[in-house]
């Protein structure tokens, strides 16, 4: 009926049915099968951390990526800290051998994200969308600047999404956030951008149409 089903709706159903790992694999397989290789384009996929720590998932991911030249980034967040951090580091290191990049999501709102920023060898942080509005970003600018400084000192890039207007974009630029994403930029970015972060769970906006 051409309506949009948002992730917060369909992911609840998928997780309730215990199909999270299957869904994550289908998304990765779909990208690898249907997306073309372009210089410096990275396909960023939201992945359940439980999938990442599943042996069957890891085995299949490595099988899919061993002959692929498509650049993949796994975007992760979880509410509870995974205490077996050395095991987590080992898993991520093994996937980095296949060219996988890692991003931690919801930085600035979830304490676990800060702990993972501190502990894990990640490539990018993504700020929580709470800060994607002019008033919130302006009011909490020192928080974002602090996380951005920590990231830069660790050679980690920063990313903010859902930027909808020029004023918020201007603040994000002043803070020196590396990658800025949102509807406001959709007509500003040239097709030849050196780096395209595609946030997707089958579509760019992360939504599935039925």
Protein backbone atom coordinates (compact mmCIF):
# COMPACT_ATOMS: atom_id res chain seq x y z
CA UNK A 1 0.00 0.00 0.00
CA UNK A 2 3.06 2.22 -0.48
CA UNK A 3 3.33 3.18 3.19
CA UNK A 4 6.65 3.42 5.02
CA UNK A 5 7.47 0.95 7.78
CA UNK A 6 10.06 2.50 10.06
CA UNK A 7 12.91 0.53 11.67
CA UNK A 8 11.57 1.10 15.19
CA UNK A 9 8.49 -0.85 14.10
CA UNK A 10 9.81 -3.72 12.03
CA UNK A 11 12.95 -4.32 14.11
CA UNK A 12 10.82 -4.96 17.21
CA UNK A 13 8.95 -7.68 15.31
CA UNK A 14 12.16 -9.18 13.91
CA UNK A 15 13.82 -9.29 17.32
CA UNK A 16 10.69 -10.69 18.99
CA UNK A 17 10.69 -13.53 16.47
CA UNK A 18 14.38 -14.18 17.09
CA UNK A 19 15.29 -13.34 13.50
CA UNK A 20 17.83 -10.58 14.14
CA UNK A 21 20.84 -12.55 12.94
CA UNK A 22 19.00 -13.72 9.80
CA UNK A 23 17.90 -10.16 9.06
CA UNK A 24 21.42 -8.76 9.45
CA UNK A 25 22.76 -11.39 7.05
CA UNK A 26 20.02 -10.69 4.50
CA UNK A 27 20.85 -6.97 4.57
CA UNK A 28 24.56 -7.66 4.04
CA UNK A 29 23.89 -10.19 1.27
CA UNK A 30 21.51 -7.76 -0.47
CA UNK A 31 24.12 -4.99 -0.46
CA UNK A 32 26.89 -7.23 -1.75
CA UNK A 33 24.67 -8.62 -4.50
CA UNK A 34 23.09 -5.37 -5.70
CA UNK A 35 25.51 -2.51 -5.00
CA UNK A 36 28.32 -1.64 -7.35
CA UNK A 37 31.89 -0.93 -6.37
CA UNK A 38 32.67 2.78 -6.35
CA UNK A 39 35.85 4.43 -5.13
CA UNK A 40 35.68 5.40 -1.46
CA UNK A 41 32.01 4.52 -1.05
CA UNK A 42 31.25 2.83 2.24
CA UNK A 43 28.01 0.97 2.94
CA UNK A 44 27.14 1.40 6.61
CA UNK A 45 24.83 -1.24 8.08
CA UNK A 46 23.20 -1.30 11.49
CA UNK A 47 24.16 -4.64 13.02
CA UNK A 48 22.96 -6.19 16.27
CA UNK A 49 25.95 -6.68 18.59
CA UNK A 50 24.52 -10.12 19.39
CA UNK A 51 24.87 -10.97 15.70
CA UNK A 52 28.47 -9.86 15.76
CA UNK A 53 29.17 -12.22 18.64
CA UNK A 54 27.47 -15.18 16.99
CA UNK A 55 29.84 -17.77 15.48
CA UNK A 56 27.56 -18.71 12.58
CA UNK A 57 27.05 -15.04 11.69
CA UNK A 58 30.79 -14.37 11.77
CA UNK A 59 31.54 -17.39 9.62
CA UNK A 60 28.99 -16.37 7.00
CA UNK A 61 30.13 -12.74 6.97
CA UNK A 62 33.73 -13.76 6.35
CA UNK A 63 32.62 -16.11 3.60
CA UNK A 64 30.66 -13.30 1.93
CA UNK A 65 33.46 -10.75 2.22
CA UNK A 66 36.48 -12.84 1.31
CA UNK A 67 36.15 -12.14 -2.43
CA UNK A 68 34.27 -8.84 -2.22
CA UNK A 69 35.77 -5.42 -2.88
CA UNK A 70 32.76 -3.53 -1.52
CA UNK A 71 33.57 -1.52 1.60
CA UNK A 72 31.36 -2.34 4.58
CA UNK A 73 30.92 -0.57 7.90
CA UNK A 74 29.05 -2.15 10.81
CA UNK A 75 27.22 0.38 13.01
CA UNK A 76 26.72 -0.86 16.57
CA UNK A 77 25.06 0.15 19.81
CA UNK A 78 23.71 -1.65 22.83
CA UNK A 79 22.28 -0.58 26.15
CA UNK A 80 24.28 -2.99 28.31
CA UNK A 81 28.06 -3.16 28.30
CA UNK A 82 29.52 -6.45 27.07
CA UNK A 83 32.01 -7.32 29.79
CA UNK A 84 34.05 -9.83 27.76
CA UNK A 85 35.77 -6.92 26.06
CA UNK A 86 38.85 -8.88 24.95
CA UNK A 87 36.61 -11.28 23.04
CA UNK A 88 34.85 -8.28 21.45
CA UNK A 89 38.21 -6.83 20.43
CA UNK A 90 39.26 -10.15 18.89
CA UNK A 91 36.04 -10.42 16.86
CA UNK A 92 36.40 -6.91 15.52
CA UNK A 93 40.05 -7.45 14.70
CA UNK A 94 39.25 -10.63 12.77
CA UNK A 95 36.64 -8.77 10.69
CA UNK A 96 38.97 -5.84 10.06
CA UNK A 97 41.17 -8.32 8.20
CA UNK A 98 38.30 -8.52 5.69
CA UNK A 99 38.14 -4.73 5.41
CA UNK A 100 35.20 -4.17 7.76
CA UNK A 101 35.03 -0.78 9.47
CA UNK A 102 33.21 -0.16 12.75
CA UNK A 103 31.10 2.70 14.05
CA UNK A 104 29.58 3.18 17.51
CA UNK A 105 26.14 4.79 17.47
CA UNK A 106 24.23 7.04 19.89
CA UNK A 107 27.34 8.66 21.33
CA UNK A 108 26.41 11.37 23.81
CA UNK A 109 23.29 9.61 25.08
CA UNK A 110 24.17 5.98 25.84
CA UNK A 111 26.87 5.38 28.47
CA UNK A 112 27.84 2.10 26.81
CA UNK A 113 28.78 4.00 23.65
CA UNK A 114 31.29 6.04 25.64
CA UNK A 115 32.79 2.87 27.15
CA UNK A 116 33.15 1.31 23.70
CA UNK A 117 34.72 4.52 22.38
CA UNK A 118 37.24 4.19 25.19
CA UNK A 119 37.87 0.45 24.87
CA UNK A 120 37.40 -0.67 21.26
CA UNK A 121 39.37 -0.13 18.07
CA UNK A 122 36.64 1.63 16.11
CA UNK A 123 36.76 3.86 13.05
CA UNK A 124 33.87 6.24 13.59
CA UNK A 125 31.38 7.52 16.17
CA UNK A 126 27.84 8.64 15.36
CA UNK A 127 26.17 11.12 17.66
CA UNK A 128 22.70 10.44 18.99
CA UNK A 129 19.95 12.10 16.94
CA UNK A 130 18.92 14.01 20.08
CA UNK A 131 21.61 16.48 19.03
CA UNK A 132 20.41 16.79 15.44
CA UNK A 133 18.32 19.88 16.16
CA UNK A 134 19.64 23.42 16.43
CA UNK A 135 18.46 24.09 19.99
CA UNK A 136 19.74 20.76 21.37
CA UNK A 137 23.08 21.00 19.56
CA UNK A 138 23.59 24.60 20.66
CA UNK A 139 22.64 23.90 24.29
CA UNK A 140 24.87 20.81 24.49
CA UNK A 141 27.65 21.98 22.24
CA UNK A 142 30.36 21.44 24.87
CA UNK A 143 29.35 17.76 25.21
CA UNK A 144 29.63 17.13 21.48
CA UNK A 145 32.87 19.09 21.26
CA UNK A 146 34.28 16.96 24.07
CA UNK A 147 33.40 13.67 22.38
CA UNK A 148 34.64 15.02 19.06
CA UNK A 149 38.00 15.92 20.64
CA UNK A 150 38.33 12.46 22.21
CA UNK A 151 37.57 10.87 18.84
CA UNK A 152 40.12 12.99 16.98
CA UNK A 153 42.82 12.20 19.54
CA UNK A 154 42.16 8.50 18.86
CA UNK A 155 42.11 9.02 15.05
CA UNK A 156 38.39 8.25 14.95
CA UNK A 157 36.04 10.13 12.61
CA UNK A 158 32.75 11.66 13.78
CA UNK A 159 29.32 11.59 12.16
CA UNK A 160 25.98 13.28 12.79
CA UNK A 161 22.78 12.51 10.89
CA UNK A 162 19.26 13.93 10.43
CA UNK A 163 20.46 17.50 9.86
CA UNK A 164 17.41 19.28 8.49
CA UNK A 165 18.33 22.99 8.28
CA UNK A 166 21.15 25.43 7.60
CA UNK A 167 21.48 26.63 11.21
CA UNK A 168 22.11 23.13 12.59
CA UNK A 169 24.45 22.39 9.71
CA UNK A 170 26.45 25.53 10.50
CA UNK A 171 26.92 24.53 14.14
CA UNK A 172 27.98 21.00 13.18
CA UNK A 173 30.55 22.47 10.79
CA UNK A 174 31.86 24.82 13.50
CA UNK A 175 32.29 21.87 15.86
CA UNK A 176 34.28 20.20 13.06
CA UNK A 177 32.22 17.01 12.84
CA UNK A 178 33.72 15.00 9.99
CA UNK A 179 30.58 13.65 8.30
CA UNK A 180 27.25 15.44 8.30
CA UNK A 181 24.14 13.77 6.91
CA UNK A 182 20.54 14.87 6.41
CA UNK A 183 17.89 16.16 4.07
CA UNK A 184 19.44 19.63 4.09
CA UNK A 185 22.53 18.24 2.37
CA UNK A 186 20.75 16.08 -0.17
CA UNK A 187 20.88 18.74 -2.89
CA UNK A 188 24.25 20.15 -1.85
CA UNK A 189 26.50 17.10 -2.16
CA UNK A 190 28.01 16.46 -5.60
CA UNK A 191 27.60 12.99 -7.04
CA UNK A 192 31.39 12.72 -7.13
CA UNK A 193 31.80 13.10 -3.33
CA UNK A 194 34.99 11.44 -2.18
CA UNK A 195 33.20 9.64 0.63
CA UNK A 196 29.57 8.57 0.65
CA UNK A 197 28.26 7.12 3.87
CA UNK A 198 25.12 5.24 2.93
CA UNK A 199 23.06 4.56 6.05
CA UNK A 200 20.89 1.71 5.04
CA UNK A 201 18.83 -1.26 5.99
CA UNK A 202 17.93 -1.78 2.31
CA UNK A 203 17.18 1.90 1.57
CA UNK A 204 19.27 5.02 2.26
CA UNK A 205 16.89 6.35 4.88
CA UNK A 206 16.77 3.02 6.67
CA UNK A 207 13.10 2.50 5.89
CA UNK A 208 11.40 -0.35 4.08
CA UNK A 209 8.53 0.41 1.72
CA UNK A 210 5.77 -2.12 1.17
